[in-house]
Amino acid sequence: MRCALTNDVLEMVHGRQGLGLRLSTLLDTCYVWLDAHPSEAIIAQIKQDRAEQSSTISFGEAVVATINRAPQYWRTANTTPSLQDLRGKIQLFRRFTGPDLYAYGINVTRWEDNPVEPFTIRTFRGVQLTIQDHYNPTSPVSLPSLITMKTDNVIALLDRASADQDATHWYINFTSVYEINYPYLVTPREAAIGGWFAFAWLPGINAKVYEYFKTHAEKKRYGIVVMDFPESPMPDLIATVRFLV
């Protein structure tokens, strides 16, 4: 959740672009969803995307105040919860700093931007997170090469997570990718679902992930798989992942 604080109000943004939506409104939607699905849980990474503007409070103070409007939905501890602990709640991943916030949420301020290899964050409370988030190639690659590259990234971390016996080690695996490198322009939807290249249709990353899980029938811990457009092109992709993990 990329946010900016302007006039003491937390607004949703993407870089310089405002999205016309307040964080509080977005969270209200999350609360309604949790009420309807009390056995589920949400992990919310809240990121400060730009410096405060025309505000009398800090970004951290604004987030704390927003969360405190509905504290029953939140887990702001800085330790790893069990799923049972987290059902019906939101675990805060804190990607912002501030005084007196060292024990507020799980600190992911050292999140790396577009690294080629997975990276690991370790907190002073023993939380360990390994993250694959290579979302944009640094040099031009064609659609087939982009899909292959990202699929290899995803599968490598799935294999690593399934082989790790440490149940407290978090694995977060992003399947999303896009490209704006002349002469190639690939949207996140095209990479996820598939697209045409040289007069041939290429299945996207979602199809590749689906194939991986279909050929790994044993139930294992594969970590958190963060997907773009997971309902396409095969509607049972989410159900397949849920069955195996």
C-alpha atoms as a PDB file:
ATOM      1  CA  MET A   1       0.000   0.000   0.000  1.00  0.00           C
ATOM      2  CA  ARG A   2       1.924   3.011  -1.324  1.00  0.00           C
ATOM      3  CA  CYS A   3       0.933   6.134   0.584  1.00  0.00           C
ATOM      4  CA  ALA A   4       1.694   9.830   0.801  1.00  0.00           C
ATOM      5  CA  LEU A   5       0.774  12.176   3.638  1.00  0.00           C
ATOM      6  CA  THR A   6      -0.673  15.490   2.438  1.00  0.00           C
ATOM      7  CA  ASN A   7      -2.542  17.924   4.689  1.00  0.00           C
ATOM      8  CA  ASP A   8      -2.498  15.259   7.429  1.00  0.00           C
ATOM      9  CA  VAL A   9      -4.377  12.795   5.186  1.00  0.00           C
ATOM     10  CA  LEU A  10      -2.913   9.505   3.952  1.00  0.00           C
ATOM     11  CA  GLU A  11      -3.604   9.165   0.233  1.00  0.00           C
ATOM     12  CA  MET A  12      -2.883   6.197  -2.016  1.00  0.00           C
ATOM     13  CA  VAL A  13      -0.273   6.975  -4.680  1.00  0.00           C
ATOM     14  CA  HIS A  14       1.944   5.314  -7.254  1.00  0.00           C
ATOM     15  CA  GLY A  15       5.093   7.383  -7.543  1.00  0.00           C
ATOM     16  CA  ARG A  16       4.025  10.929  -8.385  1.00  0.00           C
ATOM     17  CA  GLN A  17       0.538   9.848  -9.400  1.00  0.00           C
ATOM     18  CA  GLY A  18      -2.292  10.202  -6.902  1.00  0.00           C
ATOM     19  CA  LEU A  19      -4.972   7.513  -7.091  1.00  0.00           C
ATOM     20  CA  GLY A  20      -7.889   9.488  -5.690  1.00  0.00           C
ATOM     21  CA  LEU A  21      -8.269   7.104  -2.752  1.00  0.00           C
ATOM     22  CA  ARG A  22      -7.551   7.449   0.940  1.00  0.00           C
ATOM     23  CA  LEU A  23      -5.808   4.729   2.946  1.00  0.00           C
ATOM     24  CA  SER A  24      -8.710   4.727   5.405  1.00  0.00           C
ATOM     25  CA  THR A  25     -11.162   3.948   2.580  1.00  0.00           C
ATOM     26  CA  LEU A  26      -9.006   1.090   1.336  1.00  0.00           C
ATOM     27  CA  LEU A  27      -8.735  -0.341   4.840  1.00  0.00           C
ATOM     28  CA  ASP A  28     -12.512  -0.144   5.315  1.00  0.00           C
ATOM     29  CA  THR A  29     -12.802  -2.481   2.313  1.00  0.00           C
ATOM     30  CA  CYS A  30     -10.318  -4.861   3.980  1.00  0.00           C
ATOM     31  CA  TYR A  31     -12.354  -4.844   7.204  1.00  0.00           C
ATOM     32  CA  VAL A  32     -15.569  -5.689   5.354  1.00  0.00           C
ATOM     33  CA  TRP A  33     -13.779  -8.559   3.623  1.00  0.00           C
ATOM     34  CA  LEU A  34     -12.389  -9.910   6.909  1.00  0.00           C
ATOM     35  CA  ASP A  35     -15.839  -9.787   8.482  1.00  0.00           C
ATOM     36  CA  ALA A  36     -17.128 -11.896   5.600  1.00  0.00           C
ATOM     37  CA  HIS A  37     -14.109 -14.267   5.719  1.00  0.00           C
ATOM     38  CA  PRO A  38     -13.104 -14.540   9.403  1.00  0.00           C
ATOM     39  CA  SER A  39     -10.881 -17.579   8.834  1.00  0.00           C
ATOM     40  CA  GLU A  40      -8.675 -15.612   6.417  1.00  0.00           C
ATOM     41  CA  ALA A  41      -5.870 -13.133   7.107  1.00  0.00           C
ATOM     42  CA  ILE A  42      -4.236 -10.186   5.360  1.00  0.00           C
ATOM     43  CA  ILE A  43      -0.616  -9.076   5.282  1.00  0.00           C
ATOM     44  CA  ALA A  44      -0.432  -5.346   4.550  1.00  0.00           C
ATOM     45  CA  GLN A  45       2.830  -3.715   3.604  1.00  0.00           C
ATOM     46  CA  ILE A  46       2.391   0.021   4.115  1.00  0.00           C
ATOM     47  CA  LYS A  47       5.055   2.082   2.369  1.00  0.00           C
ATOM     48  CA  GLN A  48       5.830   5.783   2.545  1.00  0.00           C
ATOM     49  CA  ASP A  49       6.190   6.672  -1.131  1.00  0.00           C
ATOM     50  CA  ARG A  50       7.095  10.357  -0.746  1.00  0.00           C
ATOM     51  CA  ALA A  51       7.909  12.954   1.909  1.00  0.00           C
ATOM     52  CA  GLU A  52       5.153  14.567   3.982  1.00  0.00           C
ATOM     53  CA  GLN A  53       3.562  17.686   2.482  1.00  0.00           C
ATOM     54  CA  SER A  54       1.721  20.461   4.346  1.00  0.00           C
ATOM     55  CA  SER A  55       1.221  18.217   7.377  1.00  0.00           C
ATOM     56  CA  THR A  56       1.423  18.797  11.116  1.00  0.00           C
ATOM     57  CA  ILE A  57       2.057  15.139  11.952  1.00  0.00           C
ATOM     58  CA  SER A  58       4.558  12.585  10.691  1.00  0.00           C
ATOM     59  CA  PHE A  59       3.768   9.747   8.304  1.00  0.00           C
ATOM     60  CA  GLY A  60       4.204   7.205  11.103  1.00  0.00           C
ATOM     61  CA  GLU A  61       1.866   9.087  13.420  1.00  0.00           C
ATOM     62  CA  ALA A  62      -0.751   9.218  10.672  1.00  0.00           C
ATOM     63  CA  VAL A  63      -0.542   5.454  10.071  1.00  0.00           C
ATOM     64  CA  VAL A  64      -0.793   4.661  13.778  1.00  0.00           C
ATOM     65  CA  ALA A  65      -3.835   6.934  14.105  1.00  0.00           C
ATOM     66  CA  THR A  66      -5.488   5.286  11.108  1.00  0.00           C
ATOM     67  CA  ILE A  67      -4.878   1.774  12.454  1.00  0.00           C
ATOM     68  CA  ASN A  68      -6.104   2.779  15.933  1.00  0.00           C
ATOM     69  CA  ARG A  69      -9.529   3.591  14.493  1.00  0.00           C
ATOM     70  CA  ALA A  70     -10.127  -0.166  14.187  1.00  0.00           C
ATOM     71  CA  PRO A  71      -7.468  -1.891  16.302  1.00  0.00           C
ATOM     72  CA  GLN A  72      -9.454  -5.128  16.559  1.00  0.00           C
ATOM     73  CA  TYR A  73      -8.526  -5.905  12.959  1.00  0.00           C
ATOM     74  CA  TRP A  74      -4.783  -5.432  13.379  1.00  0.00           C
ATOM     75  CA  ARG A  75      -1.756  -7.333  14.561  1.00  0.00           C
ATOM     76  CA  THR A  76       1.070  -4.813  14.963  1.00  0.00           C
ATOM     77  CA  ALA A  77       3.454  -7.098  16.865  1.00  0.00           C
ATOM     78  CA  ASN A  78       6.943  -7.457  15.395  1.00  0.00           C
ATOM     79  CA  THR A  79       7.120 -11.247  15.677  1.00  0.00           C
ATOM     80  CA  THR A  80       6.060 -14.050  13.330  1.00  0.00           C
ATOM     81  CA  PRO A  81       2.444 -15.083  13.993  1.00  0.00           C
ATOM     82  CA  SER A  82       0.860 -18.450  13.419  1.00  0.00           C
ATOM     83  CA  LEU A  83      -2.047 -18.479  10.991  1.00  0.00           C
ATOM     84  CA  GLN A  84      -4.347 -19.172  13.930  1.00  0.00           C
ATOM     85  CA  ASP A  85      -3.095 -15.995  15.608  1.00  0.00           C
ATOM     86  CA  LEU A  86      -3.751 -13.994  12.470  1.00  0.00           C
ATOM     87  CA  ARG A  87      -7.191 -15.206  11.373  1.00  0.00           C
ATOM     88  CA  GLY A  88      -9.554 -12.265  10.922  1.00  0.00           C
ATOM     89  CA  LYS A  89      -6.696  -9.764  11.272  1.00  0.00           C
ATOM     90  CA  ILE A  90      -4.131  -7.793   9.309  1.00  0.00           C
ATOM     91  CA  GLN A  91      -0.407  -8.202   9.982  1.00  0.00           C
ATOM     92  CA  LEU A  92       1.456  -4.938   9.459  1.00  0.00           C
ATOM     93  CA  PHE A  93       4.621  -4.959   7.373  1.00  0.00           C
ATOM     94  CA  ARG A  94       6.107  -1.543   8.179  1.00  0.00           C
ATOM     95  CA  ARG A  95       7.962   0.129   5.333  1.00  0.00           C
ATOM     96  CA  PHE A  96       8.299   3.495   6.997  1.00  0.00           C
ATOM     97  CA  THR A  97      10.307   4.861   9.903  1.00  0.00           C
ATOM     98  CA  GLY A  98       9.576   7.074  12.851  1.00  0.00           C
ATOM     99  CA  PRO A  99      10.345   7.594  16.522  1.00  0.00           C
ATOM    100  CA  ASP A 100       9.093   4.858  18.869  1.00  0.00           C
ATOM    101  CA  LEU A 101       8.182   2.569  15.940  1.00  0.00           C
ATOM    102  CA  TYR A 102      11.002   0.031  16.326  1.00  0.00           C
ATOM    103  CA  ALA A 103       8.572  -2.541  17.812  1.00  0.00           C
ATOM    104  CA  TYR A 104       5.553  -1.553  15.711  1.00  0.00           C
ATOM    105  CA  GLY A 105       4.819  -4.089  13.011  1.00  0.00           C
ATOM    106  CA  ILE A 106       7.365  -6.239  11.203  1.00  0.00           C
ATOM    107  CA  ASN A 107      10.108  -3.904   9.975  1.00  0.00           C
ATOM    108  CA  VAL A 108      10.661  -4.310   6.222  1.00  0.00           C
ATOM    109  CA  THR A 109      12.234  -0.901   5.609  1.00  0.00           C
ATOM    110  CA  ARG A 110      15.262  -2.683   4.113  1.00  0.00           C
ATOM    111  CA  TRP A 111      13.116  -3.977   1.243  1.00  0.00           C
ATOM    112  CA  GLU A 112      15.240  -3.880  -1.929  1.00  0.00           C
ATOM    113  CA  ASP A 113      14.000  -2.362  -5.182  1.00  0.00           C
ATOM    114  CA  ASN A 114      13.972  -4.715  -8.186  1.00  0.00           C
ATOM    115  CA  PRO A 115      16.925  -6.937  -7.219  1.00  0.00           C
ATOM    116  CA  VAL A 116      17.887  -9.641  -9.698  1.00  0.00           C
ATOM    117  CA  GLU A 117      18.331 -12.211  -6.915  1.00  0.00           C
ATOM    118  CA  PRO A 118      16.089 -12.895  -3.894  1.00  0.00           C
ATOM    119  CA  PHE A 119      17.037 -10.980  -0.755  1.00  0.00           C
ATOM    120  CA  THR A 120      16.587 -11.730   2.933  1.00  0.00           C
ATOM    121  CA  ILE A 121      15.486  -9.344   5.688  1.00  0.00           C
ATOM    122  CA  ARG A 122      16.261 -10.287   9.290  1.00  0.00           C
ATOM    123  CA  THR A 123      14.796  -8.313  12.184  1.00  0.00           C
ATOM    124  CA  PHE A 124      16.091  -8.035  15.726  1.00  0.00           C
ATOM    125  CA  ARG A 125      13.156 -10.148  16.947  1.00  0.00           C
ATOM    126  CA  GLY A 126      14.265 -13.070  14.796  1.00  0.00           C
ATOM    127  CA  VAL A 127      11.826 -12.621  11.918  1.00  0.00           C
ATOM    128  CA  GLN A 128      13.387 -13.804   8.660  1.00  0.00           C
ATOM    129  CA  LEU A 129      11.865 -13.040   5.255  1.00  0.00           C
ATOM    130  CA  THR A 130      13.257 -14.085   1.880  1.00  0.00           C
ATOM    131  CA  ILE A 131      11.682 -12.178  -0.998  1.00  0.00           C
ATOM    132  CA  GLN A 132      11.778 -12.543  -4.781  1.00  0.00           C
ATOM    133  CA  ASP A 133      10.629  -9.237  -6.312  1.00  0.00           C
ATOM    134  CA  HIS A 134      12.445  -8.831  -9.637  1.00  0.00           C
ATOM    135  CA  TYR A 135       9.679  -6.950 -11.439  1.00  0.00           C
ATOM    136  CA  ASN A 136      11.441  -5.237 -14.356  1.00  0.00           C
ATOM    137  CA  PRO A 137      14.459  -6.290 -16.463  1.00  0.00           C
ATOM    138  CA  THR A 138      17.241  -3.728 -16.612  1.00  0.00           C
ATOM    139  CA  SER A 139      17.977  -4.376 -20.306  1.00  0.00           C
ATOM    140  CA  PRO A 140      15.635  -5.105 -23.228  1.00  0.00           C
ATOM    141  CA  VAL A 141      14.350  -8.676 -23.520  1.00  0.00           C
ATOM    142  CA  SER A 142      11.632 -10.077 -25.744  1.00  0.00           C
ATOM    143  CA  LEU A 143       8.317 -11.347 -24.386  1.00  0.00           C
ATOM    144  CA  PRO A 144       9.405 -15.034 -24.543  1.00  0.00           C
ATOM    145  CA  SER A 145      12.631 -14.245 -22.711  1.00  0.00           C
ATOM    146  CA  LEU A 146      10.821 -12.102 -20.135  1.00  0.00           C
ATOM    147  CA  ILE A 147       8.306 -14.848 -19.352  1.00  0.00           C
ATOM    148  CA  THR A 148      11.073 -17.452 -19.104  1.00  0.00           C
ATOM    149  CA  MET A 149      13.239 -15.217 -16.902  1.00  0.00           C
ATOM    150  CA  LYS A 150      10.452 -14.414 -14.453  1.00  0.00           C
ATOM    151  CA  THR A 151       9.140 -17.982 -14.374  1.00  0.00           C
ATOM    152  CA  ASP A 152      12.643 -19.208 -13.496  1.00  0.00           C
ATOM    153  CA  ASN A 153      12.802 -16.595 -10.692  1.00  0.00           C
ATOM    154  CA  VAL A 154       9.474 -17.756  -9.271  1.00  0.00           C
ATOM    155  CA  ILE A 155      10.132 -21.491  -9.507  1.00  0.00           C
ATOM    156  CA  ALA A 156      13.585 -21.171  -7.937  1.00  0.00           C
ATOM    157  CA  LEU A 157      12.085 -19.631  -4.792  1.00  0.00           C
ATOM    158  CA  LEU A 158       9.197 -22.133  -4.734  1.00  0.00           C
ATOM    159  CA  ASP A 159      11.766 -24.938  -4.748  1.00  0.00           C
ATOM    160  CA  ARG A 160      13.806 -23.204  -2.055  1.00  0.00           C
ATOM    161  CA  ALA A 161      10.788 -22.674   0.192  1.00  0.00           C
ATOM    162  CA  SER A 162       9.569 -26.246  -0.165  1.00  0.00           C
ATOM    163  CA  ALA A 163      12.991 -27.592   0.834  1.00  0.00           C
ATOM    164  CA  ASP A 164      13.369 -25.359   3.920  1.00  0.00           C
ATOM    165  CA  GLN A 165      12.484 -27.116   7.170  1.00  0.00           C
ATOM    166  CA  ASP A 166      12.393 -23.875   9.163  1.00  0.00           C
ATOM    167  CA  ALA A 167       8.665 -23.167   9.463  1.00  0.00           C
ATOM    168  CA  THR A 168       9.313 -19.655  10.843  1.00  0.00           C
ATOM    169  CA  HIS A 169      11.175 -18.522   7.705  1.00  0.00           C
ATOM    170  CA  TRP A 170       8.858 -16.442   5.505  1.00  0.00           C
ATOM    171  CA  TYR A 171       9.063 -16.749   1.709  1.00  0.00           C
ATOM    172  CA  ILE A 172       7.341 -14.089  -0.407  1.00  0.00           C
ATOM    173  CA  ASN A 173       7.364 -14.741  -4.134  1.00  0.00           C
ATOM    174  CA  PHE A 174       6.095 -12.155  -6.637  1.00  0.00           C
ATOM    175  CA  THR A 175       5.018 -13.402 -10.073  1.00  0.00           C
ATOM    176  CA  SER A 176       4.428  -9.869 -11.387  1.00  0.00           C
ATOM    177  CA  VAL A 177       6.680  -8.324 -14.010  1.00  0.00           C
ATOM    178  CA  TYR A 178       6.517  -5.688 -16.740  1.00  0.00           C
ATOM    179  CA  GLU A 179       8.884  -4.107 -19.235  1.00  0.00           C
ATOM    180  CA  ILE A 180       9.367  -0.649 -20.704  1.00  0.00           C
ATOM    181  CA  ASN A 181      12.664  -1.098 -22.522  1.00  0.00           C
ATOM    182  CA  TYR A 182      12.816  -0.013 -26.180  1.00  0.00           C
ATOM    183  CA  PRO A 183      11.880  -1.755 -28.423  1.00  0.00           C
ATOM    184  CA  TYR A 184       9.835  -3.906 -26.019  1.00  0.00           C
ATOM    185  CA  LEU A 185       6.725  -2.876 -24.125  1.00  0.00           C
ATOM    186  CA  VAL A 186       5.117  -5.595 -21.991  1.00  0.00           C
ATOM    187  CA  THR A 187       2.264  -4.835 -19.616  1.00  0.00           C
ATOM    188  CA  PRO A 188       1.781  -6.724 -16.324  1.00  0.00           C
ATOM    189  CA  ARG A 189      -1.386  -8.326 -17.749  1.00  0.00           C
ATOM    190  CA  GLU A 190       0.392  -9.532 -20.884  1.00  0.00           C
ATOM    191  CA  ALA A 191       3.235 -11.044 -18.862  1.00  0.00           C
ATOM    192  CA  ALA A 192       0.820 -12.766 -16.472  1.00  0.00           C
ATOM    193  CA  ILE A 193      -1.776 -14.063 -18.910  1.00  0.00           C
ATOM    194  CA  GLY A 194       0.161 -14.339 -22.171  1.00  0.00           C
ATOM    195  CA  GLY A 195       0.506 -12.497 -25.446  1.00  0.00           C
ATOM    196  CA  TRP A 196       1.339 -12.653 -29.121  1.00  0.00           C
ATOM    197  CA  PHE A 197       4.937 -12.686 -30.300  1.00  0.00           C
ATOM    198  CA  ALA A 198       6.092 -13.337 -33.880  1.00  0.00           C
ATOM    199  CA  PHE A 199       2.559 -14.415 -34.861  1.00  0.00           C
ATOM    200  CA  ALA A 200       2.434 -17.060 -32.088  1.00  0.00           C
ATOM    201  CA  TRP A 201       0.542 -17.037 -28.791  1.00  0.00           C
ATOM    202  CA  LEU A 202       2.766 -17.419 -25.734  1.00  0.00           C
ATOM    203  CA  PRO A 203       1.306 -18.627 -22.417  1.00  0.00           C
ATOM    204  CA  GLY A 204       2.104 -16.218 -19.587  1.00  0.00           C
ATOM    205  CA  ILE A 205       3.625 -16.667 -16.170  1.00  0.00           C
ATOM    206  CA  ASN A 206       0.336 -17.732 -14.557  1.00  0.00           C
ATOM    207  CA  ALA A 207       0.116 -20.739 -16.873  1.00  0.00           C
ATOM    208  CA  LYS A 208       3.696 -21.680 -16.028  1.00  0.00           C
ATOM    209  CA  VAL A 209       3.047 -21.421 -12.276  1.00  0.00           C
ATOM    210  CA  TYR A 210      -0.143 -23.456 -12.704  1.00  0.00           C
ATOM    211  CA  GLU A 211       1.802 -26.165 -14.537  1.00  0.00           C
ATOM    212  CA  TYR A 212       4.412 -26.212 -11.759  1.00  0.00           C
ATOM    213  CA  PHE A 213       1.835 -26.778  -9.037  1.00  0.00           C
ATOM    214  CA  LYS A 214      -0.006 -29.386 -11.076  1.00  0.00           C
ATOM    215  CA  THR A 215       3.215 -31.394 -11.372  1.00  0.00           C
ATOM    216  CA  HIS A 216       4.038 -31.007  -7.661  1.00  0.00           C
ATOM    217  CA  ALA A 217       1.080 -32.848  -6.183  1.00  0.00           C
ATOM    218  CA  GLU A 218       2.534 -33.278  -2.697  1.00  0.00           C
ATOM    219  CA  LYS A 219       1.466 -30.781  -0.074  1.00  0.00           C
ATOM    220  CA  LYS A 220       4.398 -28.637   0.994  1.00  0.00           C
ATOM    221  CA  ARG A 221       5.152 -25.171   2.274  1.00  0.00           C
ATOM    222  CA  TYR A 222       5.757 -23.032  -0.828  1.00  0.00           C
ATOM    223  CA  GLY A 223       5.506 -19.636   0.845  1.00  0.00           C
ATOM    224  CA  ILE A 224       3.359 -16.669  -0.140  1.00  0.00           C
ATOM    225  CA  VAL A 225       2.790 -16.389  -3.884  1.00  0.00           C
ATOM    226  CA  VAL A 226       1.781 -12.850  -4.899  1.00  0.00           C
ATOM    227  CA  MET A 227       0.138 -12.945  -8.341  1.00  0.00           C
ATOM    228  CA  ASP A 228      -1.166 -10.519 -10.948  1.00  0.00           C
ATOM    229  CA  PHE A 229      -4.560 -11.433 -12.475  1.00  0.00           C
ATOM    230  CA  PRO A 230      -4.620 -14.879 -10.772  1.00  0.00           C
ATOM    231  CA  GLU A 231      -8.113 -15.630 -12.099  1.00  0.00           C
ATOM    232  CA  SER A 232      -6.750 -15.813 -15.666  1.00  0.00           C
ATOM    233  CA  PRO A 233      -6.327 -17.708 -17.864  1.00  0.00           C
ATOM    234  CA  MET A 234      -7.217 -20.717 -15.678  1.00  0.00           C
ATOM    235  CA  PRO A 235      -9.850 -20.029 -12.997  1.00  0.00           C
ATOM    236  CA  ASP A 236      -8.663 -22.771 -10.612  1.00  0.00           C
ATOM    237  CA  LEU A 237      -5.110 -21.436 -10.163  1.00  0.00           C
ATOM    238  CA  ILE A 238      -5.836 -20.007  -6.691  1.00  0.00           C
ATOM    239  CA  ALA A 239      -7.628 -23.179  -5.593  1.00  0.00           C
ATOM    240  CA  THR A 240      -4.668 -25.259  -6.774  1.00  0.00           C
ATOM    241  CA  VAL A 241      -2.183 -23.193  -4.754  1.00  0.00           C
ATOM    242  CA  ARG A 242      -4.414 -23.278  -1.654  1.00  0.00           C
ATOM    243  CA  PHE A 243      -4.689 -27.073  -1.844  1.00  0.00           C
ATOM    244  CA  LEU A 244      -0.945 -27.643  -1.915  1.00  0.00           C
ATOM    245  CA  VAL A 245       0.267 -25.243   0.775  1.00  0.00           C
END
